[in-house]
Amino acid sequence: MDYPTARQFILKQTVAPSDEGQASFLQRIQQGQAPIPGQATSLLLALRVVGDAMRQEPQIERQLAYALFLLSYESRQCYEAGRNQGIEWPPLLDADLTRLAAAAEKVLSDGG
């Protein structure tokens, strides 16, 4: 995966409307549905690629920063709200959200 593909994937899974008839990672969690198998893993890979590509960049574009915020904060908020409403999330989703937040923080902090 190259940087443009990784960036676009992150945006499609968070801020960009889904045009493929398949709900994005964030949309699914907001709707109280578990992510599609592989979505979190693909996001982690994309975050690593973006982080590696941006390691030497002094700034980050607003849309990408917002997508990283949504991954790290909004997805956790929706997960907790669903859990409080009795949604039975997949057992590994909690850990996946923690890993996604850590990866997003790494991109924002040092890009690596």
Protein backbone atom coordinates (compact mmCIF):
# COMPACT_ATOMS: atom_id res chain seq x y z
CA MET A 1 0.00 0.00 0.00
CA ASP A 2 1.38 3.42 -0.93
CA TYR A 3 0.73 6.75 0.78
CA PRO A 4 -2.08 8.02 -1.52
CA THR A 5 -3.93 4.70 -1.22
CA ALA A 6 -3.46 4.58 2.55
CA ARG A 7 -4.59 8.20 2.99
CA GLN A 8 -7.65 7.65 0.83
CA PHE A 9 -8.54 4.46 2.71
CA ILE A 10 -8.37 6.24 6.08
CA LEU A 11 -10.58 9.04 4.76
CA LYS A 12 -13.11 6.60 3.30
CA GLN A 13 -13.33 4.74 6.59
CA THR A 14 -13.96 7.92 8.58
CA VAL A 15 -14.92 11.24 6.95
CA ALA A 16 -15.71 10.47 3.31
CA PRO A 17 -19.10 9.02 2.43
CA SER A 18 -19.00 5.42 1.37
CA ASP A 19 -19.68 5.09 -2.35
CA GLU A 20 -19.25 1.34 -2.57
CA GLY A 21 -22.51 0.39 -0.86
CA GLN A 22 -20.55 -0.79 2.16
CA ALA A 23 -20.61 1.20 5.39
CA SER A 24 -17.32 2.64 6.59
CA PHE A 25 -15.60 1.55 9.79
CA LEU A 26 -16.90 4.60 11.65
CA GLN A 27 -20.42 4.39 10.18
CA ARG A 28 -20.75 0.78 11.32
CA ILE A 29 -19.72 1.58 14.88
CA GLN A 30 -21.99 4.64 14.95
CA GLN A 31 -24.87 2.37 13.87
CA GLY A 32 -24.07 -0.17 16.59
CA GLN A 33 -22.70 -2.71 14.13
CA ALA A 34 -19.39 -4.48 14.35
CA PRO A 35 -16.78 -3.58 11.75
CA ILE A 36 -16.42 -5.90 8.80
CA PRO A 37 -13.63 -8.42 9.42
CA GLY A 38 -10.37 -6.92 8.26
CA GLN A 39 -11.43 -3.26 8.47
CA ALA A 40 -9.45 -2.56 11.65
CA THR A 41 -6.41 -4.46 10.37
CA SER A 42 -6.51 -2.56 7.08
CA LEU A 43 -6.79 0.73 8.97
CA LEU A 44 -3.78 -0.19 11.10
CA LEU A 45 -1.76 -0.92 7.96
CA ALA A 46 -2.88 2.35 6.37
CA LEU A 47 -1.95 4.28 9.50
CA ARG A 48 1.51 2.74 9.47
CA VAL A 49 2.02 3.68 5.81
CA VAL A 50 0.79 7.24 6.40
CA GLY A 51 2.95 7.57 9.50
CA ASP A 52 6.05 6.36 7.66
CA ALA A 53 5.41 8.71 4.74
CA MET A 54 4.85 11.71 7.00
CA ARG A 55 7.74 11.12 9.37
CA GLN A 56 9.65 14.19 8.14
CA GLU A 57 6.63 16.40 7.46
CA PRO A 58 6.27 19.38 9.81
CA GLN A 59 2.48 19.60 9.43
CA ILE A 60 -0.56 17.52 8.61
CA GLU A 61 -3.54 18.46 6.48
CA ARG A 62 -6.77 19.26 8.30
CA GLN A 63 -8.92 16.53 6.69
CA LEU A 64 -6.43 13.80 7.57
CA ALA A 65 -6.05 15.15 11.11
CA TYR A 66 -9.83 15.08 11.49
CA ALA A 67 -9.95 11.49 10.25
CA LEU A 68 -7.32 10.53 12.84
CA PHE A 69 -9.36 12.25 15.54
CA LEU A 70 -12.47 10.35 14.50
CA LEU A 71 -10.61 7.06 14.60
CA SER A 72 -9.14 7.67 18.01
CA TYR A 73 -11.96 9.51 19.78
CA GLU A 74 -15.31 9.17 18.03
CA SER A 75 -15.03 5.43 17.42
CA ARG A 76 -14.28 4.90 21.14
CA GLN A 77 -17.20 7.11 22.16
CA CYS A 78 -19.58 5.16 19.91
CA TYR A 79 -18.22 1.86 21.20
CA GLU A 80 -18.77 2.90 24.83
CA ALA A 81 -22.25 4.26 24.09
CA GLY A 82 -23.17 1.00 22.37
CA ARG A 83 -21.79 -1.03 25.23
CA ASN A 84 -23.87 1.02 27.68
CA GLN A 85 -26.94 0.28 25.54
CA GLY A 86 -26.25 -3.45 25.71
CA ILE A 87 -24.63 -3.99 22.33
CA GLU A 88 -22.45 -7.06 22.38
CA TRP A 89 -19.37 -6.04 20.44
CA PRO A 90 -16.85 -8.57 19.13
CA PRO A 91 -14.37 -9.48 21.87
CA LEU A 92 -11.35 -7.96 20.08
CA LEU A 93 -12.97 -4.65 19.09
CA ASP A 94 -11.99 -2.94 22.33
CA ALA A 95 -8.33 -3.85 21.76
CA ASP A 96 -8.58 -2.88 18.07
CA LEU A 97 -9.86 0.59 19.01
CA THR A 98 -7.00 0.99 21.46
CA ARG A 99 -4.47 0.01 18.78
CA LEU A 100 -6.08 2.39 16.26
CA ALA A 101 -5.93 5.26 18.74
CA ALA A 102 -2.27 4.54 19.50
CA ALA A 103 -1.43 4.39 15.79
CA ALA A 104 -3.28 7.66 15.13
CA GLU A 105 -1.44 9.32 18.02
CA LYS A 106 1.87 8.11 16.61
CA VAL A 107 1.08 9.66 13.21
CA LEU A 108 0.21 12.96 14.88
CA SER A 109 3.13 12.98 17.27
CA ASP A 110 6.12 11.95 15.19
CA GLY A 111 4.81 10.34 12.03
CA GLY A 112 6.50 7.04 12.71
